[in-house]
PDB file of N, CA and C in Angstrom:
ATOM      1  N   MET A   1      23.271  24.619 -27.256  1.00  0.00           N
ATOM      2  CA  MET A   1      22.393  24.549 -25.851  1.00  0.00           C
ATOM      3  C   MET A   1      22.987  23.219 -25.086  1.00  0.00           C
ATOM      4  N   TYR A   2      23.258  23.254 -24.073  1.00  0.00           N
ATOM      5  CA  TYR A   2      23.955  22.478 -22.792  1.00  0.00           C
ATOM      6  C   TYR A   2      22.996  21.794 -21.856  1.00  0.00           C
ATOM      7  N   PHE A   3      23.606  20.876 -21.134  1.00  0.00           N
ATOM      8  CA  PHE A   3      22.900  20.481 -20.135  1.00  0.00           C
ATOM      9  C   PHE A   3      24.058  20.424 -19.048  1.00  0.00           C
ATOM     10  N   LYS A   4      23.601  21.166 -17.859  1.00  0.00           N
ATOM     11  CA  LYS A   4      24.241  21.351 -16.604  1.00  0.00           C
ATOM     12  C   LYS A   4      24.441  19.432 -16.167  1.00  0.00           C
ATOM     13  N   ILE A   5      25.527  19.689 -15.788  1.00  0.00           N
ATOM     14  CA  ILE A   5      25.663  18.641 -14.371  1.00  0.00           C
ATOM     15  C   ILE A   5      25.216  18.632 -13.152  1.00  0.00           C
ATOM     16  N   TRP A   6      23.840  17.888 -13.059  1.00  0.00           N
ATOM     17  CA  TRP A   6      23.387  17.991 -11.775  1.00  0.00           C
ATOM     18  C   TRP A   6      23.876  16.755 -10.714  1.00  0.00           C
ATOM     19  N   LYS A   7      23.578  17.647  -9.435  1.00  0.00           N
ATOM     20  CA  LYS A   7      23.994  16.471  -8.724  1.00  0.00           C
ATOM     21  C   LYS A   7      23.087  15.706  -7.860  1.00  0.00           C
ATOM     22  N   VAL A   8      23.631  14.330  -8.172  1.00  0.00           N
ATOM     23  CA  VAL A   8      22.550  13.297  -7.907  1.00  0.00           C
ATOM     24  C   VAL A   8      22.835  12.650  -6.861  1.00  0.00           C
ATOM     25  N   GLN A   9      21.668  12.587  -5.914  1.00  0.00           N
ATOM     26  CA  GLN A   9      21.831  11.953  -4.324  1.00  0.00           C
ATOM     27  C   GLN A   9      21.623  10.348  -4.321  1.00  0.00           C
ATOM     28  N   GLY A  10      22.711   9.516  -3.844  1.00  0.00           N
ATOM     29  CA  GLY A  10      22.327   7.778  -3.818  1.00  0.00           C
ATOM     30  C   GLY A  10      21.817   7.634  -2.754  1.00  0.00           C
ATOM     31  N   ASP A  11      20.863   6.469  -2.268  1.00  0.00           N
ATOM     32  CA  ASP A  11      20.068   6.176  -1.263  1.00  0.00           C
ATOM     33  C   ASP A  11      20.537   4.680  -0.725  1.00  0.00           C
ATOM     34  N   ILE A  12      19.959   4.293  -0.020  1.00  0.00           N
ATOM     35  CA  ILE A  12      21.034   3.066   0.443  1.00  0.00           C
ATOM     36  C   ILE A  12      20.353   1.761  -0.137  1.00  0.00           C
ATOM     37  N   SER A  13      19.272   1.867  -1.211  1.00  0.00           N
ATOM     38  CA  SER A  13      19.063   0.812  -2.005  1.00  0.00           C
ATOM     39  C   SER A  13      20.068   0.707  -2.935  1.00  0.00           C
ATOM     40  N   GLY A  14      20.535   1.804  -3.279  1.00  0.00           N
ATOM     41  CA  GLY A  14      21.659   1.819  -4.193  1.00  0.00           C
ATOM     42  C   GLY A  14      20.960   2.361  -5.508  1.00  0.00           C
ATOM     43  N   GLY A  15      19.959   2.872  -5.486  1.00  0.00           N
ATOM     44  CA  GLY A  15      19.354   3.834  -6.777  1.00  0.00           C
ATOM     45  C   GLY A  15      19.863   5.309  -6.464  1.00  0.00           C
ATOM     46  N   HIS A  16      19.398   6.301  -7.295  1.00  0.00           N
ATOM     47  CA  HIS A  16      19.551   7.486  -7.588  1.00  0.00           C
ATOM     48  C   HIS A  16      18.651   8.333  -8.123  1.00  0.00           C
ATOM     49  N   HIS A  17      18.377   9.411  -7.102  1.00  0.00           N
ATOM     50  CA  HIS A  17      17.265  10.178  -7.082  1.00  0.00           C
ATOM     51  C   HIS A  17      18.139  11.844  -7.701  1.00  0.00           C
ATOM     52  N   ILE A  18      16.951  12.688  -8.675  1.00  0.00           N
ATOM     53  CA  ILE A  18      17.247  14.133  -9.050  1.00  0.00           C
ATOM     54  C   ILE A  18      15.910  14.820  -9.214  1.00  0.00           C
ATOM     55  N   ASP A  19      16.153  16.117  -8.182  1.00  0.00           N
ATOM     56  CA  ASP A  19      15.143  16.568  -8.012  1.00  0.00           C
ATOM     57  C   ASP A  19      14.703  17.575  -9.256  1.00  0.00           C
ATOM     58  N   LEU A  20      13.622  16.487 -10.263  1.00  0.00           N
ATOM     59  CA  LEU A  20      13.281  17.178 -11.518  1.00  0.00           C
ATOM     60  C   LEU A  20      12.791  18.389 -11.486  1.00  0.00           C
ATOM     61  N   PRO A  21      11.787  18.563 -10.599  1.00  0.00           N
ATOM     62  CA  PRO A  21      11.013  19.761 -10.893  1.00  0.00           C
ATOM     63  C   PRO A  21      12.416  20.881 -10.634  1.00  0.00           C
ATOM     64  N   GLU A  22      12.896  21.201  -9.895  1.00  0.00           N
ATOM     65  CA  GLU A  22      14.031  22.120  -9.773  1.00  0.00           C
ATOM     66  C   GLU A  22      15.203  21.792 -10.773  1.00  0.00           C
ATOM     67  N   ALA A  23      15.798  21.030 -11.101  1.00  0.00           N
ATOM     68  CA  ALA A  23      16.435  20.720 -12.394  1.00  0.00           C
ATOM     69  C   ALA A  23      15.936  21.404 -13.187  1.00  0.00           C
ATOM     70  N   CYS A  24      14.371  21.337 -13.482  1.00  0.00           N
ATOM     71  CA  CYS A  24      13.518  22.157 -14.753  1.00  0.00           C
ATOM     72  C   CYS A  24      13.992  23.829 -14.516  1.00  0.00           C
ATOM     73  N   ARG A  25      13.672  24.024 -13.281  1.00  0.00           N
ATOM     74  CA  ARG A  25      13.294  25.314 -12.991  1.00  0.00           C
ATOM     75  C   ARG A  25      14.733  26.216 -12.587  1.00  0.00           C
ATOM     76  N   LEU A  26      15.649  25.313 -12.719  1.00  0.00           N
ATOM     77  CA  LEU A  26      16.818  25.987 -12.982  1.00  0.00           C
ATOM     78  C   LEU A  26      17.517  26.370 -14.264  1.00  0.00           C
ATOM     79  N   THR A  27      17.281  25.239 -15.338  1.00  0.00           N
ATOM     80  CA  THR A  27      17.049  24.872 -16.434  1.00  0.00           C
ATOM     81  C   THR A  27      16.624  26.142 -17.251  1.00  0.00           C
ATOM     82  N   LEU A  28      15.446  26.309 -17.068  1.00  0.00           N
ATOM     83  CA  LEU A  28      14.601  27.326 -17.711  1.00  0.00           C
ATOM     84  C   LEU A  28      15.152  28.635 -17.228  1.00  0.00           C
ATOM     85  N   LEU A  29      15.680  29.197 -15.828  1.00  0.00           N
ATOM     86  CA  LEU A  29      16.219  30.072 -15.594  1.00  0.00           C
ATOM     87  C   LEU A  29      17.808  30.502 -16.392  1.00  0.00           C
ATOM     88  N   GLU A  30      18.465  29.507 -16.560  1.00  0.00           N
ATOM     89  CA  GLU A  30      19.359  29.765 -17.061  1.00  0.00           C
ATOM     90  C   GLU A  30      19.273  30.351 -18.751  1.00  0.00           C
ATOM     91  N   CYS A  31      18.145  29.991 -19.108  1.00  0.00           N
ATOM     92  CA  CYS A  31      17.911  29.903 -20.364  1.00  0.00           C
ATOM     93  C   CYS A  31      16.947  31.589 -20.596  1.00  0.00           C
ATOM     94  N   GLY A  32      17.051  31.937 -19.470  1.00  0.00           N
ATOM     95  CA  GLY A  32      16.175  32.878 -19.614  1.00  0.00           C
ATOM     96  C   GLY A  32      14.895  33.724 -19.350  1.00  0.00           C
ATOM     97  N   VAL A  33      14.129  32.431 -19.012  1.00  0.00           N
ATOM     98  CA  VAL A  33      12.845  32.639 -18.571  1.00  0.00           C
ATOM     99  C   VAL A  33      12.837  33.440 -17.227  1.00  0.00           C
ATOM    100  N   ARG A  34      12.079  34.504 -16.598  1.00  0.00           N
ATOM    101  CA  ARG A  34      11.982  35.397 -15.819  1.00  0.00           C
ATOM    102  C   ARG A  34      11.669  34.658 -14.532  1.00  0.00           C
ATOM    103  N   ALA A  35      12.103  33.938 -13.144  1.00  0.00           N
ATOM    104  CA  ALA A  35      11.539  33.695 -12.124  1.00  0.00           C
ATOM    105  C   ALA A  35      10.231  33.713 -12.428  1.00  0.00           C
ATOM    106  N   ASP A  36       9.701  34.600 -12.005  1.00  0.00           N
ATOM    107  CA  ASP A  36       8.079  35.224 -11.792  1.00  0.00           C
ATOM    108  C   ASP A  36       6.933  34.174 -13.243  1.00  0.00           C
ATOM    109  N   ASN A  37       7.700  33.703 -14.056  1.00  0.00           N
ATOM    110  CA  ASN A  37       7.115  32.928 -15.005  1.00  0.00           C
ATOM    111  C   ASN A  37       7.031  31.608 -14.765  1.00  0.00           C
ATOM    112  N   ILE A  38       7.773  31.229 -13.694  1.00  0.00           N
ATOM    113  CA  ILE A  38       7.803  30.013 -13.618  1.00  0.00           C
ATOM    114  C   ILE A  38       7.147  29.334 -12.356  1.00  0.00           C
ATOM    115  N   GLN A  39       6.452  28.282 -12.662  1.00  0.00           N
ATOM    116  CA  GLN A  39       5.634  27.486 -11.309  1.00  0.00           C
ATOM    117  C   GLN A  39       5.694  26.100 -11.435  1.00  0.00           C
ATOM    118  N   VAL A  40       6.143  25.702 -10.121  1.00  0.00           N
ATOM    119  CA  VAL A  40       6.209  24.230  -9.889  1.00  0.00           C
ATOM    120  C   VAL A  40       4.992  24.148  -8.977  1.00  0.00           C
ATOM    121  N   SER A  41       4.214  22.845  -9.763  1.00  0.00           N
ATOM    122  CA  SER A  41       2.934  22.495  -9.265  1.00  0.00           C
ATOM    123  C   SER A  41       3.038  21.524  -7.580  1.00  0.00           C
ATOM    124  N   GLY A  42       4.402  21.497  -7.507  1.00  0.00           N
ATOM    125  CA  GLY A  42       4.637  20.015  -6.098  1.00  0.00           C
ATOM    126  C   GLY A  42       3.549  18.816  -6.227  1.00  0.00           C
ATOM    127  N   LEU A  43       2.675  18.549  -7.193  1.00  0.00           N
ATOM    128  CA  LEU A  43       2.052  17.697  -7.437  1.00  0.00           C
ATOM    129  C   LEU A  43       2.856  16.271  -7.216  1.00  0.00           C
ATOM    130  N   CYS A  44       2.550  14.931  -6.818  1.00  0.00           N
ATOM    131  CA  CYS A  44       3.614  13.817  -6.892  1.00  0.00           C
ATOM    132  C   CYS A  44       2.830  12.825  -8.200  1.00  0.00           C
ATOM    133  N   THR A  45       3.427  12.528  -9.225  1.00  0.00           N
ATOM    134  CA  THR A  45       2.568  11.401  -9.857  1.00  0.00           C
ATOM    135  C   THR A  45       2.203  10.390  -9.302  1.00  0.00           C
ATOM    136  N   TYR A  46       3.466   9.778  -8.146  1.00  0.00           N
ATOM    137  CA  TYR A  46       3.324   8.591  -7.650  1.00  0.00           C
ATOM    138  C   TYR A  46       1.762   8.789  -6.776  1.00  0.00           C
ATOM    139  N   GLU A  47       1.688  10.016  -6.302  1.00  0.00           N
ATOM    140  CA  GLU A  47       0.743   9.894  -4.778  1.00  0.00           C
ATOM    141  C   GLU A  47      -0.388  10.393  -5.576  1.00  0.00           C
ATOM    142  N   ARG A  48      -0.499  10.926  -6.520  1.00  0.00           N
ATOM    143  CA  ARG A  48      -2.008  11.556  -6.940  1.00  0.00           C
ATOM    144  C   ARG A  48      -2.150  10.769  -8.814  1.00  0.00           C
ATOM    145  N   THR A  49      -2.342   9.813  -8.687  1.00  0.00           N
ATOM    146  CA  THR A  49      -2.932   9.006  -9.684  1.00  0.00           C
ATOM    147  C   THR A  49      -4.212   9.096 -10.310  1.00  0.00           C
ATOM    148  N   ASP A  50      -5.130   9.856  -9.480  1.00  0.00           N
ATOM    149  CA  ASP A  50      -6.290   9.994  -9.603  1.00  0.00           C
ATOM    150  C   ASP A  50      -6.434  11.146 -10.658  1.00  0.00           C
ATOM    151  N   ILE A  51      -5.297  12.024 -10.834  1.00  0.00           N
ATOM    152  CA  ILE A  51      -5.101  13.240 -11.812  1.00  0.00           C
ATOM    153  C   ILE A  51      -4.168  12.905 -12.621  1.00  0.00           C
ATOM    154  N   LEU A  52      -2.601  11.881 -12.488  1.00  0.00           N
ATOM    155  CA  LEU A  52      -1.589  12.279 -13.033  1.00  0.00           C
ATOM    156  C   LEU A  52      -0.862  10.780 -13.193  1.00  0.00           C
ATOM    157  N   TYR A  53      -0.494  10.502 -14.494  1.00  0.00           N
ATOM    158  CA  TYR A  53      -0.109   9.228 -14.724  1.00  0.00           C
ATOM    159  C   TYR A  53       1.410   9.095 -13.889  1.00  0.00           C
ATOM    160  N   SER A  54       1.522   7.475 -13.266  1.00  0.00           N
ATOM    161  CA  SER A  54       3.017   7.365 -12.721  1.00  0.00           C
ATOM    162  C   SER A  54       2.964   6.266 -12.830  1.00  0.00           C
ATOM    163  N   ALA A  55       4.003   6.109 -13.943  1.00  0.00           N
ATOM    164  CA  ALA A  55       4.884   4.506 -14.687  1.00  0.00           C
ATOM    165  C   ALA A  55       5.233   4.274 -13.655  1.00  0.00           C
ATOM    166  N   ARG A  56       5.951   4.419 -12.463  1.00  0.00           N
ATOM    167  CA  ARG A  56       6.416   3.827 -11.206  1.00  0.00           C
ATOM    168  C   ARG A  56       5.534   3.060 -10.638  1.00  0.00           C
ATOM    169  N   LYS A  57       4.260   3.575 -10.641  1.00  0.00           N
ATOM    170  CA  LYS A  57       3.275   3.409  -9.594  1.00  0.00           C
ATOM    171  C   LYS A  57       2.215   2.161 -10.456  1.00  0.00           C
ATOM    172  N   GLU A  58       2.041   2.556 -11.471  1.00  0.00           N
ATOM    173  CA  GLU A  58       1.243   1.633 -12.465  1.00  0.00           C
ATOM    174  C   GLU A  58       1.583   0.775 -13.394  1.00  0.00           C
ATOM    175  N   GLY A  59       2.942   0.134 -12.851  1.00  0.00           N
ATOM    176  CA  GLY A  59       3.900  -0.734 -13.637  1.00  0.00           C
ATOM    177  C   GLY A  59       4.373  -0.298 -15.171  1.00  0.00           C
ATOM    178  N   GLY A  60       4.562   0.741 -15.542  1.00  0.00           N
ATOM    179  CA  GLY A  60       4.862   1.527 -17.020  1.00  0.00           C
ATOM    180  C   GLY A  60       3.488   1.249 -17.711  1.00  0.00           C
ATOM    181  N   ARG A  61       2.379   1.041 -17.304  1.00  0.00           N
ATOM    182  CA  ARG A  61       1.137   0.935 -18.359  1.00  0.00           C
ATOM    183  C   ARG A  61       0.203   1.915 -18.264  1.00  0.00           C
ATOM    184  N   LEU A  62       0.124   2.472 -19.509  1.00  0.00           N
ATOM    185  CA  LEU A  62      -0.692   3.400 -19.709  1.00  0.00           C
ATOM    186  C   LEU A  62      -2.001   3.308 -19.240  1.00  0.00           C
ATOM    187  N   ARG A  63      -2.882   4.238 -18.804  1.00  0.00           N
ATOM    188  CA  ARG A  63      -4.136   4.268 -18.423  1.00  0.00           C
ATOM    189  C   ARG A  63      -5.128   3.933 -19.870  1.00  0.00           C
ATOM    190  N   LYS A  64      -6.304   3.131 -19.593  1.00  0.00           N
ATOM    191  CA  LYS A  64      -6.931   2.835 -20.932  1.00  0.00           C
ATOM    192  C   LYS A  64      -8.602   3.489 -20.448  1.00  0.00           C
TER     193      LYS A  64
END
């Protein structure tokens, strides 16, 4: 198995971003998973810390 080179977008702060849900979806399709068996939740870990962990928002510390 190999991983495709994904286009990464830079921003004004010098950081880089990749659309991880889309990268995962495309990888699953390439591995033979049918599109109707793939669901992307659309939930953001940074915005929904009430139900999801966000290392970026919570400073890299796990909840206790």
